[in-house]
C-alpha cells in the first residue's frame, strides 16, 4: 500500500499545486485589472489637468474679445451722445434767439412742448 499512498500523495500534491497556481493566476489577473483601471484613471486625471490651462487661456481670450467689443461699442455710444448733446444745445440756443426775435416784433411764440417745460423746470 505504500506505493499506492505515494502515488495518491503525488496526485494530491499535484492537484494542490494546480489549485494554488490557478489561485495565484486569478489573484494576478485581478491585480492587473485593478492596476489597469487605476492607471487609466490617473491618465484621465493627468489629461484633464493638462487641458485646464489651455481651457483657461481660451476662456480668457474669449473674454478679452468680448470686453474689447463692448468697449468699442461704449465709445461709439459716448461719441454719439456727446454729438447729440452738442446738437441739442446748439438747437436750444437757436430757438432761444428766434423766440427773442419773435417777441421783439410783437409775435408771441407758441408754448414749448411739455418735455421742454419739464427740462426747464427740473434740469433733467
Protein backbone atom coordinates (compact mmCIF):
# COMPACT_ATOMS: atom_id res chain seq x y z
CA UNK A 1 0.00 0.00 0.00
CA UNK A 2 2.87 2.30 0.48
CA UNK A 3 3.28 2.55 -3.23
CA UNK A 4 -0.38 3.45 -3.63
CA UNK A 5 -0.17 6.11 -0.97
CA UNK A 6 2.88 7.59 -2.64
CA UNK A 7 1.06 7.87 -5.95
CA UNK A 8 -2.01 9.28 -4.22
CA UNK A 9 0.13 11.81 -2.35
CA UNK A 10 1.80 12.80 -5.62
CA UNK A 11 -1.57 13.30 -7.33
CA UNK A 12 -2.97 15.23 -4.37
CA UNK A 13 0.21 17.34 -4.28
CA UNK A 14 -0.09 17.99 -7.99
CA UNK A 15 -3.76 18.94 -7.60
CA UNK A 16 -2.96 21.26 -4.71
CA UNK A 17 -0.15 22.81 -6.75
CA UNK A 18 -2.51 23.26 -9.70
CA UNK A 19 -5.15 24.85 -7.44
CA UNK A 20 -2.50 27.13 -5.91
CA UNK A 21 -1.25 28.05 -9.39
CA UNK A 22 -4.82 28.75 -10.53
CA UNK A 23 -5.47 30.85 -7.41
CA UNK A 24 -2.31 32.85 -7.89
CA UNK A 25 -3.19 33.36 -11.55
CA UNK A 26 -6.64 34.66 -10.62
CA UNK A 27 -5.11 36.96 -7.99
CA UNK A 28 -2.60 38.25 -10.53
CA UNK A 29 -5.37 38.81 -13.11
CA UNK A 30 -7.48 40.69 -10.58
CA UNK A 31 -4.48 42.81 -9.53
CA UNK A 32 -3.64 43.50 -13.17
CA UNK A 33 -7.20 44.69 -13.88
CA UNK A 34 -7.14 46.91 -10.80
CA UNK A 35 -3.76 48.33 -11.82
CA UNK A 36 -5.01 48.96 -15.36
CA UNK A 37 -8.11 50.71 -14.02
CA UNK A 38 -6.02 52.85 -11.67
CA UNK A 39 -3.60 53.70 -14.47
CA UNK A 40 -6.46 54.70 -16.76
CA UNK A 41 -7.95 56.94 -14.07
CA UNK A 42 -4.55 58.53 -13.42
CA UNK A 43 -4.04 59.17 -17.14
CA UNK A 44 -7.52 60.70 -17.44
CA UNK A 45 -6.86 62.95 -14.43
CA UNK A 46 -3.50 63.97 -15.89
CA UNK A 47 -5.12 64.77 -19.24
CA UNK A 48 -7.77 66.91 -17.52
CA UNK A 49 -5.11 68.71 -15.52
CA UNK A 50 -3.07 69.31 -18.67
CA UNK A 51 -6.12 70.62 -20.54
CA UNK A 52 -7.11 73.05 -17.75
CA UNK A 53 -4.52 75.79 -18.56
CA UNK A 54 -5.38 75.62 -22.26
CA UNK A 55 -9.10 75.92 -21.46
CA UNK A 56 -8.42 78.85 -19.15
CA UNK A 57 -6.34 80.56 -21.85
CA UNK A 58 -9.14 80.05 -24.37
CA UNK A 59 -11.71 81.41 -21.90
CA UNK A 60 -9.51 84.44 -21.21
CA UNK A 61 -9.04 85.12 -24.92
CA UNK A 62 -12.81 84.93 -25.49
CA UNK A 63 -13.46 87.20 -22.51
CA UNK A 64 -10.93 89.78 -23.79
CA UNK A 65 -12.51 89.72 -27.24
CA UNK A 66 -15.97 90.28 -25.79
CA UNK A 67 -14.69 93.03 -23.48
CA UNK A 68 -12.88 94.81 -26.33
CA UNK A 69 -16.03 94.68 -28.48
CA UNK A 70 -18.12 96.11 -25.66
CA UNK A 71 -15.58 98.86 -25.02
CA UNK A 72 -15.69 99.85 -28.71
CA UNK A 73 -19.50 99.95 -28.61
CA UNK A 74 -19.48 102.06 -25.45
CA UNK A 75 -17.01 104.50 -27.03
CA UNK A 76 -19.21 104.81 -30.13
CA UNK A 77 -22.28 105.43 -27.95
CA UNK A 78 -20.42 108.01 -25.88
CA UNK A 79 -19.32 109.88 -29.03
CA UNK A 80 -22.90 109.75 -30.33
CA UNK A 81 -24.32 111.02 -27.04
CA UNK A 82 -21.75 113.85 -26.97
CA UNK A 83 -22.67 114.75 -30.55
CA UNK A 84 -26.41 114.72 -29.83
CA UNK A 85 -25.92 116.74 -26.64
CA UNK A 86 -23.98 119.34 -28.61
CA UNK A 87 -26.71 119.41 -31.27
CA UNK A 88 -29.48 119.87 -28.67
CA UNK A 89 -27.56 122.73 -27.02
CA UNK A 90 -27.00 124.44 -30.37
CA UNK A 91 -30.64 123.98 -31.33
CA UNK A 92 -31.76 125.30 -27.95
CA UNK A 93 -29.69 128.46 -28.44
CA UNK A 94 -31.08 128.88 -31.95
CA UNK A 95 -34.69 128.51 -30.75
CA UNK A 96 -33.99 130.99 -27.95
CA UNK A 97 -32.75 133.56 -30.48
CA UNK A 98 -35.78 133.02 -32.72
CA UNK A 99 -38.12 133.32 -29.75
CA UNK A 100 -36.43 136.60 -28.78
CA UNK A 101 -36.78 137.97 -32.31
CA UNK A 102 -40.45 136.97 -32.44
CA UNK A 103 -41.13 138.83 -29.19
CA UNK A 104 -39.24 141.93 -30.46
CA UNK A 105 -41.64 142.00 -33.40
CA UNK A 106 -44.71 141.61 -31.19
CA UNK A 107 -45.33 137.94 -32.00
CA UNK A 108 -45.91 135.62 -29.08
CA UNK A 109 -44.20 132.23 -29.83
CA UNK A 110 -46.13 129.01 -29.24
CA UNK A 111 -45.73 127.29 -25.87
CA UNK A 112 -42.93 124.77 -25.75
CA UNK A 113 -43.75 121.05 -25.62
CA UNK A 114 -44.30 119.54 -22.13
CA UNK A 115 -40.94 117.76 -22.21
CA UNK A 116 -39.13 121.08 -22.73
CA UNK A 117 -41.08 122.68 -19.88
CA UNK A 118 -40.17 119.72 -17.66
CA UNK A 119 -36.48 120.10 -18.54
CA UNK A 120 -36.60 123.85 -17.90
CA UNK A 121 -38.24 123.19 -14.53
CA UNK A 122 -36.17 120.22 -13.33
CA UNK A 123 -32.96 120.27 -15.37
CA UNK A 124 -33.47 116.62 -16.26
